[in-house]
């Protein structure tokens, strides 16, 4: 399960890097975290 958490965090960081607006990255990061099952 730790791998899934790291993948989710990496995806959130990647989205923050792709989207210039921090709000967009945070929003998508939160969405990714909700889609992933809790560890």
Protein backbone atom coordinates (compact mmCIF):
# COMPACT_ATOMS: atom_id res chain seq x y z
CA UNK A 1 0.00 0.00 0.00
CA UNK A 2 2.94 2.31 0.59
CA UNK A 3 3.70 2.17 -3.15
CA UNK A 4 0.19 3.45 -3.95
CA UNK A 5 0.66 6.38 -1.56
CA UNK A 6 3.98 7.29 -3.16
CA UNK A 7 2.44 7.02 -6.63
CA UNK A 8 -0.40 9.31 -5.56
CA UNK A 9 2.00 11.85 -4.11
CA UNK A 10 4.15 11.69 -7.24
CA UNK A 11 1.08 12.23 -9.42
CA UNK A 12 0.03 15.23 -7.32
CA UNK A 13 3.54 16.70 -7.56
CA UNK A 14 3.57 16.07 -11.32
CA UNK A 15 0.24 17.83 -11.77
CA UNK A 16 1.48 20.76 -9.68
CA UNK A 17 4.47 20.99 -12.03
CA UNK A 18 2.29 20.77 -15.16
CA UNK A 19 -0.38 23.26 -14.14
CA UNK A 20 0.92 26.81 -13.54
CA UNK A 21 -1.87 27.54 -11.07
CA UNK A 22 -1.19 25.97 -7.68
CA UNK A 23 -4.92 25.72 -7.08
CA UNK A 24 -5.33 23.49 -10.14
CA UNK A 25 -2.49 21.22 -9.00
CA UNK A 26 -3.86 21.02 -5.47
CA UNK A 27 -7.36 20.30 -6.76
CA UNK A 28 -6.21 17.49 -9.06
CA UNK A 29 -3.87 16.18 -6.36
CA UNK A 30 -6.80 15.96 -3.94
CA UNK A 31 -8.88 14.24 -6.62
CA UNK A 32 -6.12 11.67 -7.20
CA UNK A 33 -5.88 11.04 -3.46
CA UNK A 34 -9.65 10.46 -3.27
CA UNK A 35 -9.57 8.04 -6.20
CA UNK A 36 -6.78 5.99 -4.64
CA UNK A 37 -7.76 3.51 -1.91
CA UNK A 38 -6.62 4.45 1.61
CA UNK A 39 -3.44 2.72 2.77
